[in-house]
PDB file of N, CA and C in Angstrom:
ATOM      1  N   MET A   1      -3.974  31.329 -18.882  1.00  0.00           N
ATOM      2  CA  MET A   1      -5.123  32.319 -19.216  1.00  0.00           C
ATOM      3  C   MET A   1      -3.050  33.616 -20.255  1.00  0.00           C
ATOM      4  N   SER A   2      -4.338  34.049 -21.284  1.00  0.00           N
ATOM      5  CA  SER A   2      -3.789  34.653 -22.157  1.00  0.00           C
ATOM      6  C   SER A   2      -2.707  36.174 -20.629  1.00  0.00           C
ATOM      7  N   ALA A   3      -2.018  36.513 -21.035  1.00  0.00           N
ATOM      8  CA  ALA A   3      -1.172  37.799 -20.257  1.00  0.00           C
ATOM      9  C   ALA A   3      -1.854  38.935 -20.653  1.00  0.00           C
ATOM     10  N   ASN A   4      -2.613  39.641 -21.573  1.00  0.00           N
ATOM     11  CA  ASN A   4      -3.541  39.892 -22.778  1.00  0.00           C
ATOM     12  C   ASN A   4      -5.399  40.172 -22.081  1.00  0.00           C
ATOM     13  N   VAL A   5      -5.317  38.812 -21.012  1.00  0.00           N
ATOM     14  CA  VAL A   5      -6.631  39.273 -21.281  1.00  0.00           C
ATOM     15  C   VAL A   5      -7.035  39.401 -20.267  1.00  0.00           C
ATOM     16  N   PRO A   6      -7.598  40.742 -19.268  1.00  0.00           N
ATOM     17  CA  PRO A   6      -7.660  40.406 -18.309  1.00  0.00           C
ATOM     18  C   PRO A   6      -8.596  39.713 -17.188  1.00  0.00           C
ATOM     19  N   GLU A   7      -7.850  38.942 -16.287  1.00  0.00           N
ATOM     20  CA  GLU A   7      -9.149  37.939 -15.160  1.00  0.00           C
ATOM     21  C   GLU A   7     -10.751  39.090 -14.717  1.00  0.00           C
ATOM     22  N   SER A   8     -11.274  38.389 -14.979  1.00  0.00           N
ATOM     23  CA  SER A   8     -12.874  38.483 -15.051  1.00  0.00           C
ATOM     24  C   SER A   8     -13.306  38.364 -12.734  1.00  0.00           C
ATOM     25  N   ARG A   9     -12.016  37.862 -12.583  1.00  0.00           N
ATOM     26  CA  ARG A   9     -12.964  37.474 -10.993  1.00  0.00           C
ATOM     27  C   ARG A   9     -12.046  39.397 -10.473  1.00  0.00           C
ATOM     28  N   PRO A  10     -13.010  39.089  -9.093  1.00  0.00           N
ATOM     29  CA  PRO A  10     -13.046  40.642  -8.599  1.00  0.00           C
ATOM     30  C   PRO A  10     -11.458  40.300  -7.372  1.00  0.00           C
ATOM     31  N   LYS A  11     -10.718  41.012  -7.589  1.00  0.00           N
ATOM     32  CA  LYS A  11      -9.370  41.432  -6.750  1.00  0.00           C
ATOM     33  C   LYS A  11      -9.516  41.496  -5.783  1.00  0.00           C
ATOM     34  N   LYS A  12      -8.412  41.035  -5.063  1.00  0.00           N
ATOM     35  CA  LYS A  12      -9.110  41.300  -3.328  1.00  0.00           C
ATOM     36  C   LYS A  12      -8.123  42.670  -3.273  1.00  0.00           C
ATOM     37  N   GLU A  13      -7.439  42.817  -3.624  1.00  0.00           N
ATOM     38  CA  GLU A  13      -6.854  44.291  -3.162  1.00  0.00           C
ATOM     39  C   GLU A  13      -8.002  45.456  -3.667  1.00  0.00           C
ATOM     40  N   ALA A  14      -8.967  44.898  -4.466  1.00  0.00           N
ATOM     41  CA  ALA A  14     -10.372  46.341  -4.975  1.00  0.00           C
ATOM     42  C   ALA A  14     -11.091  46.432  -3.236  1.00  0.00           C
ATOM     43  N   TYR A  15     -11.396  45.130  -2.709  1.00  0.00           N
ATOM     44  CA  TYR A  15     -11.956  45.121  -1.288  1.00  0.00           C
ATOM     45  C   TYR A  15     -11.369  46.018  -0.636  1.00  0.00           C
ATOM     46  N   GLU A  16     -10.102  45.723  -0.097  1.00  0.00           N
ATOM     47  CA  GLU A  16      -9.387  46.342   0.689  1.00  0.00           C
ATOM     48  C   GLU A  16      -8.729  48.088   0.724  1.00  0.00           C
ATOM     49  N   LYS A  17      -9.271  48.811  -0.631  1.00  0.00           N
ATOM     50  CA  LYS A  17      -8.752  49.976  -0.404  1.00  0.00           C
ATOM     51  C   LYS A  17     -10.603  50.785  -0.084  1.00  0.00           C
ATOM     52  N   ARG A  18      -9.963  51.203   1.313  1.00  0.00           N
ATOM     53  CA  ARG A  18     -11.488  52.501   2.056  1.00  0.00           C
ATOM     54  C   ARG A  18     -10.703  54.298   1.450  1.00  0.00           C
ATOM     55  N   PRO A  19     -12.213  54.930   1.466  1.00  0.00           N
ATOM     56  CA  PRO A  19     -12.240  55.970   1.957  1.00  0.00           C
ATOM     57  C   PRO A  19     -10.825  56.609   1.857  1.00  0.00           C
ATOM     58  N   GLY A  20     -10.486  57.711   1.672  1.00  0.00           N
ATOM     59  CA  GLY A  20      -8.938  58.377   2.207  1.00  0.00           C
ATOM     60  C   GLY A  20      -7.550  57.405   2.281  1.00  0.00           C
ATOM     61  N   ASP A  21      -7.528  55.997   1.396  1.00  0.00           N
ATOM     62  CA  ASP A  21      -5.841  55.768   1.166  1.00  0.00           C
ATOM     63  C   ASP A  21      -5.922  56.148  -0.037  1.00  0.00           C
ATOM     64  N   ARG A  22      -4.694  56.425  -0.504  1.00  0.00           N
ATOM     65  CA  ARG A  22      -3.450  57.057  -1.503  1.00  0.00           C
ATOM     66  C   ARG A  22      -3.512  56.260  -2.696  1.00  0.00           C
ATOM     67  N   VAL A  23      -3.748  55.743  -3.510  1.00  0.00           N
ATOM     68  CA  VAL A  23      -2.806  54.904  -4.694  1.00  0.00           C
ATOM     69  C   VAL A  23      -1.906  55.833  -5.913  1.00  0.00           C
ATOM     70  N   ARG A  24      -1.506  55.332  -6.058  1.00  0.00           N
ATOM     71  CA  ARG A  24      -0.442  55.340  -7.474  1.00  0.00           C
ATOM     72  C   ARG A  24      -0.784  55.237  -9.172  1.00  0.00           C
ATOM     73  N   LEU A  25      -1.628  55.779  -9.934  1.00  0.00           N
ATOM     74  CA  LEU A  25      -2.045  55.395 -10.808  1.00  0.00           C
ATOM     75  C   LEU A  25      -1.038  54.714 -11.980  1.00  0.00           C
ATOM     76  N   ASN A  26      -1.127  53.668 -12.872  1.00  0.00           N
ATOM     77  CA  ASN A  26      -0.066  53.749 -13.862  1.00  0.00           C
ATOM     78  C   ASN A  26       0.096  54.949 -14.749  1.00  0.00           C
ATOM     79  N   ASP A  27      -0.705  55.938 -14.310  1.00  0.00           N
ATOM     80  CA  ASP A  27      -0.084  57.190 -15.425  1.00  0.00           C
ATOM     81  C   ASP A  27       0.737  58.140 -14.161  1.00  0.00           C
ATOM     82  N   GLY A  28       1.238  57.544 -13.504  1.00  0.00           N
ATOM     83  CA  GLY A  28       2.143  58.437 -12.281  1.00  0.00           C
ATOM     84  C   GLY A  28       1.724  59.381 -11.170  1.00  0.00           C
ATOM     85  N   ARG A  29       0.243  59.851 -11.696  1.00  0.00           N
ATOM     86  CA  ARG A  29      -0.559  60.780 -10.510  1.00  0.00           C
ATOM     87  C   ARG A  29      -0.674  60.080  -9.825  1.00  0.00           C
ATOM     88  N   ILE A  30      -0.778  60.715  -8.315  1.00  0.00           N
ATOM     89  CA  ILE A  30      -1.306  60.128  -7.217  1.00  0.00           C
ATOM     90  C   ILE A  30      -2.702  60.096  -7.194  1.00  0.00           C
ATOM     91  N   ALA A  31      -3.632  59.446  -5.838  1.00  0.00           N
ATOM     92  CA  ALA A  31      -4.548  59.968  -6.145  1.00  0.00           C
ATOM     93  C   ALA A  31      -5.276  59.665  -4.949  1.00  0.00           C
ATOM     94  N   GLU A  32      -6.106  59.938  -4.186  1.00  0.00           N
ATOM     95  CA  GLU A  32      -7.133  59.757  -3.079  1.00  0.00           C
ATOM     96  C   GLU A  32      -8.748  58.771  -3.532  1.00  0.00           C
ATOM     97  N   VAL A  33      -8.556  57.513  -2.783  1.00  0.00           N
ATOM     98  CA  VAL A  33      -9.720  56.472  -2.750  1.00  0.00           C
ATOM     99  C   VAL A  33     -11.261  57.803  -2.455  1.00  0.00           C
ATOM    100  N   VAL A  34     -12.117  58.386  -3.151  1.00  0.00           N
ATOM    101  CA  VAL A  34     -13.489  58.461  -2.209  1.00  0.00           C
ATOM    102  C   VAL A  34     -14.409  57.919  -1.972  1.00  0.00           C
ATOM    103  N   ASN A  35     -14.208  56.392  -2.550  1.00  0.00           N
ATOM    104  CA  ASN A  35     -15.450  55.637  -2.579  1.00  0.00           C
ATOM    105  C   ASN A  35     -15.084  54.752  -2.820  1.00  0.00           C
ATOM    106  N   ASN A  36     -15.596  53.167  -2.791  1.00  0.00           N
ATOM    107  CA  ASN A  36     -15.508  51.971  -3.750  1.00  0.00           C
ATOM    108  C   ASN A  36     -16.563  51.339  -3.266  1.00  0.00           C
ATOM    109  N   PRO A  37     -17.201  51.509  -4.853  1.00  0.00           N
ATOM    110  CA  PRO A  37     -18.393  50.471  -5.033  1.00  0.00           C
ATOM    111  C   PRO A  37     -18.257  48.429  -4.208  1.00  0.00           C
ATOM    112  N   LEU A  38     -17.336  48.291  -4.362  1.00  0.00           N
ATOM    113  CA  LEU A  38     -17.213  46.554  -3.894  1.00  0.00           C
ATOM    114  C   LEU A  38     -17.363  45.909  -4.776  1.00  0.00           C
ATOM    115  N   ASP A  39     -16.957  46.581  -5.957  1.00  0.00           N
ATOM    116  CA  ASP A  39     -17.471  45.373  -7.268  1.00  0.00           C
ATOM    117  C   ASP A  39     -16.239  44.516  -7.436  1.00  0.00           C
ATOM    118  N   GLY A  40     -14.795  44.904  -7.074  1.00  0.00           N
ATOM    119  CA  GLY A  40     -13.683  44.415  -7.738  1.00  0.00           C
ATOM    120  C   GLY A  40     -13.222  44.394  -8.467  1.00  0.00           C
ATOM    121  N   VAL A  41     -13.548  45.602  -9.293  1.00  0.00           N
ATOM    122  CA  VAL A  41     -13.321  46.968 -10.768  1.00  0.00           C
ATOM    123  C   VAL A  41     -13.281  48.191 -10.467  1.00  0.00           C
ATOM    124  N   TRP A  42     -14.118  48.759  -9.864  1.00  0.00           N
ATOM    125  CA  TRP A  42     -13.848  50.329 -10.073  1.00  0.00           C
ATOM    126  C   TRP A  42     -13.476  50.837  -8.665  1.00  0.00           C
ATOM    127  N   LEU A  43     -12.893  52.327  -8.644  1.00  0.00           N
ATOM    128  CA  LEU A  43     -12.372  52.805  -7.558  1.00  0.00           C
ATOM    129  C   LEU A  43     -12.910  54.089  -8.131  1.00  0.00           C
ATOM    130  N   ILE A  44     -13.526  55.306  -6.933  1.00  0.00           N
ATOM    131  CA  ILE A  44     -13.785  56.324  -7.920  1.00  0.00           C
ATOM    132  C   ILE A  44     -12.546  57.076  -6.807  1.00  0.00           C
ATOM    133  N   VAL A  45     -11.869  58.131  -7.323  1.00  0.00           N
ATOM    134  CA  VAL A  45     -10.305  59.165  -6.910  1.00  0.00           C
ATOM    135  C   VAL A  45     -10.731  60.172  -7.513  1.00  0.00           C
ATOM    136  N   ARG A  46      -9.661  60.814  -6.338  1.00  0.00           N
ATOM    137  CA  ARG A  46      -9.346  61.961  -7.109  1.00  0.00           C
ATOM    138  C   ARG A  46      -8.208  62.317  -6.752  1.00  0.00           C
ATOM    139  N   ALA A  47      -7.944  62.834  -8.492  1.00  0.00           N
ATOM    140  CA  ALA A  47      -6.198  63.024  -8.392  1.00  0.00           C
ATOM    141  C   ALA A  47      -5.713  63.965  -7.653  1.00  0.00           C
ATOM    142  N   ASP A  48      -4.767  64.036  -7.145  1.00  0.00           N
ATOM    143  CA  ASP A  48      -3.833  64.968  -5.839  1.00  0.00           C
ATOM    144  C   ASP A  48      -3.363  66.542  -6.882  1.00  0.00           C
ATOM    145  N   GLU A  49      -4.617  66.990  -7.821  1.00  0.00           N
ATOM    146  CA  GLU A  49      -4.067  67.822  -8.521  1.00  0.00           C
ATOM    147  C   GLU A  49      -5.145  69.241  -8.217  1.00  0.00           C
ATOM    148  N   ASP A  50      -4.704  70.417  -8.279  1.00  0.00           N
ATOM    149  CA  ASP A  50      -5.537  71.360  -8.088  1.00  0.00           C
ATOM    150  C   ASP A  50      -6.592  71.435  -8.999  1.00  0.00           C
ATOM    151  N   GLY A  51      -8.725  71.319  -8.416  1.00  0.00           N
ATOM    152  CA  GLY A  51      -9.274  71.271  -9.195  1.00  0.00           C
ATOM    153  C   GLY A  51      -9.773  69.919  -9.671  1.00  0.00           C
ATOM    154  N   ALA A  52      -8.868  68.973  -9.518  1.00  0.00           N
ATOM    155  CA  ALA A  52      -9.711  67.763  -9.857  1.00  0.00           C
ATOM    156  C   ALA A  52     -10.751  67.188  -9.629  1.00  0.00           C
ATOM    157  N   ASP A  53     -11.057  66.605 -10.527  1.00  0.00           N
ATOM    158  CA  ASP A  53     -12.792  66.090 -10.152  1.00  0.00           C
ATOM    159  C   ASP A  53     -12.785  64.541  -9.550  1.00  0.00           C
ATOM    160  N   GLU A  54     -13.271  64.100  -9.473  1.00  0.00           N
ATOM    161  CA  GLU A  54     -14.025  62.423  -9.286  1.00  0.00           C
ATOM    162  C   GLU A  54     -13.387  62.253 -10.714  1.00  0.00           C
ATOM    163  N   GLU A  55     -12.686  60.526 -10.115  1.00  0.00           N
ATOM    164  CA  GLU A  55     -13.211  59.593 -11.740  1.00  0.00           C
ATOM    165  C   GLU A  55     -13.442  58.443 -11.261  1.00  0.00           C
ATOM    166  N   MET A  56     -13.556  57.553 -12.139  1.00  0.00           N
ATOM    167  CA  MET A  56     -13.642  56.049 -11.799  1.00  0.00           C
ATOM    168  C   MET A  56     -12.693  55.790 -12.698  1.00  0.00           C
ATOM    169  N   VAL A  57     -11.832  54.562 -12.106  1.00  0.00           N
ATOM    170  CA  VAL A  57     -10.512  54.356 -12.333  1.00  0.00           C
ATOM    171  C   VAL A  57     -11.049  52.862 -12.236  1.00  0.00           C
ATOM    172  N   LEU A  58     -10.742  51.982 -13.143  1.00  0.00           N
ATOM    173  CA  LEU A  58     -10.282  50.251 -13.423  1.00  0.00           C
ATOM    174  C   LEU A  58      -9.058  50.285 -12.528  1.00  0.00           C
ATOM    175  N   LEU A  59      -9.392  48.633 -11.588  1.00  0.00           N
ATOM    176  CA  LEU A  59      -8.651  48.552 -10.555  1.00  0.00           C
ATOM    177  C   LEU A  59      -6.629  48.105 -11.109  1.00  0.00           C
ATOM    178  N   THR A  60      -7.227  48.008 -12.583  1.00  0.00           N
ATOM    179  CA  THR A  60      -6.355  47.464 -13.608  1.00  0.00           C
ATOM    180  C   THR A  60      -5.665  48.729 -14.017  1.00  0.00           C
ATOM    181  N   ASP A  61      -5.949  50.134 -13.817  1.00  0.00           N
ATOM    182  CA  ASP A  61      -4.861  51.334 -13.551  1.00  0.00           C
ATOM    183  C   ASP A  61      -4.464  51.823 -12.389  1.00  0.00           C
ATOM    184  N   VAL A  62      -4.475  50.930 -11.604  1.00  0.00           N
ATOM    185  CA  VAL A  62      -3.781  51.489  -9.603  1.00  0.00           C
ATOM    186  C   VAL A  62      -2.724  50.834  -9.676  1.00  0.00           C
ATOM    187  N   ALA A  63      -1.565  51.161  -9.820  1.00  0.00           N
ATOM    188  CA  ALA A  63      -0.504  50.764 -10.000  1.00  0.00           C
ATOM    189  C   ALA A  63       0.147  50.494  -8.623  1.00  0.00           C
ATOM    190  N   GLY A  64      -0.423  50.835  -7.565  1.00  0.00           N
ATOM    191  CA  GLY A  64      -0.402  50.076  -6.191  1.00  0.00           C
ATOM    192  C   GLY A  64      -0.321  51.587  -5.418  1.00  0.00           C
ATOM    193  N   PRO A  65       0.526  51.207  -3.735  1.00  0.00           N
ATOM    194  CA  PRO A  65      -0.369  52.264  -2.999  1.00  0.00           C
ATOM    195  C   PRO A  65       0.831  53.268  -3.265  1.00  0.00           C
ATOM    196  N   ALA A  66       0.442  54.555  -2.848  1.00  0.00           N
ATOM    197  CA  ALA A  66       1.477  55.821  -2.805  1.00  0.00           C
ATOM    198  C   ALA A  66       2.312  55.973  -1.704  1.00  0.00           C
TER     199      ALA A  66
END
């Protein structure tokens, strides 16, 4: 499989993320998981910034745990 083509299978890591977990995003921000739709693709997070709104991020946008 090419390194430039994302894998379409859900990742186990996505299913392990629960509301309240903190993750580091690829852009360096720290965010709290607000919801996990358990589809293996999306997480709904809120960045640790004053007034930050909830946002949907792809699992590929998550660098790892915070």
